[in-house]
C-alpha atoms as a PDB file:
ATOM      1  CA  UNK A   1      60.810  82.337  28.857  1.00  0.00           C
ATOM      2  CA  UNK A   2      61.223  78.853  30.333  1.00  0.00           C
ATOM      3  CA  UNK A   3      64.973  79.037  29.824  1.00  0.00           C
ATOM      4  CA  UNK A   4      65.121  82.293  31.780  1.00  0.00           C
ATOM      5  CA  UNK A   5      63.237  80.698  34.666  1.00  0.00           C
ATOM      6  CA  UNK A   6      65.563  77.695  34.582  1.00  0.00           C
ATOM      7  CA  UNK A   7      68.628  79.924  34.763  1.00  0.00           C
ATOM      8  CA  UNK A   8      67.268  81.548  37.929  1.00  0.00           C
ATOM      9  CA  UNK A   9      66.545  78.150  39.528  1.00  0.00           C
ATOM     10  CA  UNK A  10      68.846  77.612  42.495  1.00  0.00           C
ATOM     11  CA  UNK A  11      67.249  75.472  45.213  1.00  0.00           C
ATOM     12  CA  UNK A  12      70.523  75.385  47.149  1.00  0.00           C
ATOM     13  CA  UNK A  13      69.965  78.964  48.238  1.00  0.00           C
ATOM     14  CA  UNK A  14      67.310  77.674  50.624  1.00  0.00           C
ATOM     15  CA  UNK A  15      69.468  74.931  52.178  1.00  0.00           C
ATOM     16  CA  UNK A  16      70.263  76.979  55.275  1.00  0.00           C
ATOM     17  CA  UNK A  17      66.536  77.254  55.995  1.00  0.00           C
ATOM     18  CA  UNK A  18      65.971  73.482  56.018  1.00  0.00           C
ATOM     19  CA  UNK A  19      65.784  72.204  59.586  1.00  0.00           C
ATOM     20  CA  UNK A  20      64.763  68.611  58.893  1.00  0.00           C
ATOM     21  CA  UNK A  21      67.390  65.989  58.050  1.00  0.00           C
ATOM     22  CA  UNK A  22      68.451  66.353  54.430  1.00  0.00           C
ATOM     23  CA  UNK A  23      70.542  63.985  52.327  1.00  0.00           C
ATOM     24  CA  UNK A  24      72.917  65.268  49.675  1.00  0.00           C
ATOM     25  CA  UNK A  25      74.201  62.700  47.166  1.00  0.00           C
ATOM     26  CA  UNK A  26      76.974  64.471  45.276  1.00  0.00           C
ATOM     27  CA  UNK A  27      78.513  63.088  42.101  1.00  0.00           C
ATOM     28  CA  UNK A  28      82.166  64.126  41.882  1.00  0.00           C
ATOM     29  CA  UNK A  29      82.234  63.908  38.072  1.00  0.00           C
ATOM     30  CA  UNK A  30      78.926  65.712  37.575  1.00  0.00           C
ATOM     31  CA  UNK A  31      79.009  68.296  34.774  1.00  0.00           C
ATOM     32  CA  UNK A  32      75.261  69.033  34.961  1.00  0.00           C
ATOM     33  CA  UNK A  33      75.065  69.948  38.659  1.00  0.00           C
ATOM     34  CA  UNK A  34      78.709  70.329  39.739  1.00  0.00           C
ATOM     35  CA  UNK A  35      79.474  68.793  43.121  1.00  0.00           C
ATOM     36  CA  UNK A  36      81.494  71.824  44.219  1.00  0.00           C
ATOM     37  CA  UNK A  37      78.459  74.110  43.989  1.00  0.00           C
ATOM     38  CA  UNK A  38      76.181  71.561  45.653  1.00  0.00           C
ATOM     39  CA  UNK A  39      78.702  71.002  48.440  1.00  0.00           C
ATOM     40  CA  UNK A  40      78.744  74.729  49.163  1.00  0.00           C
ATOM     41  CA  UNK A  41      74.988  74.709  49.711  1.00  0.00           C
ATOM     42  CA  UNK A  42      74.988  71.383  51.564  1.00  0.00           C
ATOM     43  CA  UNK A  43      77.469  72.673  54.121  1.00  0.00           C
ATOM     44  CA  UNK A  44      75.035  75.459  54.997  1.00  0.00           C
ATOM     45  CA  UNK A  45      72.216  73.073  55.880  1.00  0.00           C
ATOM     46  CA  UNK A  46      71.826  72.628  59.626  1.00  0.00           C
ATOM     47  CA  UNK A  47      71.091  68.909  59.567  1.00  0.00           C
ATOM     48  CA  UNK A  48      72.811  67.624  56.420  1.00  0.00           C
ATOM     49  CA  UNK A  49      74.217  64.232  55.583  1.00  0.00           C
ATOM     50  CA  UNK A  50      76.622  64.596  52.675  1.00  0.00           C
ATOM     51  CA  UNK A  51      77.833  61.657  50.608  1.00  0.00           C
ATOM     52  CA  UNK A  52      80.100  61.947  47.590  1.00  0.00           C
ATOM     53  CA  UNK A  53      80.204  59.382  44.810  1.00  0.00           C
ATOM     54  CA  UNK A  54      82.891  58.963  42.164  1.00  0.00           C
ATOM     55  CA  UNK A  55      80.573  59.135  39.161  1.00  0.00           C
ATOM     56  CA  UNK A  56      78.797  61.461  36.736  1.00  0.00           C
ATOM     57  CA  UNK A  57      75.277  62.864  37.071  1.00  0.00           C
ATOM     58  CA  UNK A  58      73.266  59.925  35.709  1.00  0.00           C
ATOM     59  CA  UNK A  59      75.730  57.159  36.611  1.00  0.00           C
ATOM     60  CA  UNK A  60      74.461  57.250  40.187  1.00  0.00           C
ATOM     61  CA  UNK A  61      71.331  55.457  38.929  1.00  0.00           C
ATOM     62  CA  UNK A  62      73.265  52.652  37.224  1.00  0.00           C
ATOM     63  CA  UNK A  63      75.311  49.713  38.429  1.00  0.00           C
ATOM     64  CA  UNK A  64      77.843  49.476  39.895  1.00  0.00           C
ATOM     65  CA  UNK A  65      77.084  52.767  41.750  1.00  0.00           C
ATOM     66  CA  UNK A  66      73.369  52.230  42.256  1.00  0.00           C
ATOM     67  CA  UNK A  67      73.620  49.476  44.878  1.00  0.00           C
ATOM     68  CA  UNK A  68      76.017  51.460  47.083  1.00  0.00           C
ATOM     69  CA  UNK A  69      73.958  54.623  46.732  1.00  0.00           C
ATOM     70  CA  UNK A  70      70.731  52.858  47.686  1.00  0.00           C
ATOM     71  CA  UNK A  71      72.393  51.332  50.750  1.00  0.00           C
ATOM     72  CA  UNK A  72      73.494  54.816  51.838  1.00  0.00           C
ATOM     73  CA  UNK A  73      69.964  56.173  51.381  1.00  0.00           C
ATOM     74  CA  UNK A  74      68.510  53.293  53.391  1.00  0.00           C
ATOM     75  CA  UNK A  75      70.995  53.910  56.206  1.00  0.00           C
ATOM     76  CA  UNK A  76      70.098  57.618  56.189  1.00  0.00           C
ATOM     77  CA  UNK A  77      66.381  56.822  56.523  1.00  0.00           C
ATOM     78  CA  UNK A  78      66.994  54.184  59.201  1.00  0.00           C
ATOM     79  CA  UNK A  79      68.896  56.741  61.245  1.00  0.00           C
ATOM     80  CA  UNK A  80      66.080  59.266  60.928  1.00  0.00           C
ATOM     81  CA  UNK A  81      63.430  56.707  61.878  1.00  0.00           C
ATOM     82  CA  UNK A  82      65.398  55.624  64.950  1.00  0.00           C
ATOM     83  CA  UNK A  83      65.736  59.244  66.075  1.00  0.00           C
ATOM     84  CA  UNK A  84      61.960  59.717  65.869  1.00  0.00           C
ATOM     85  CA  UNK A  85      61.159  56.819  68.222  1.00  0.00           C
END
């Protein structure tokens, strides 16, 4: 039963309904959540920031990628905070 629910899980379908800033970190070598599918949904979001990284799904959390990814997230949040002032 859980597997059937998982197979229906597709949060990207709601991307076009998101009006707040949303950050998409896409891993080009991802075989778990392919970047091509995620990019399709990301492009439908009204206020999306899309960054692509040359790594696999879990490599984004490890060095050497992690430092660059975190810097991009920080910049995304700084931009949002400055817009709210």
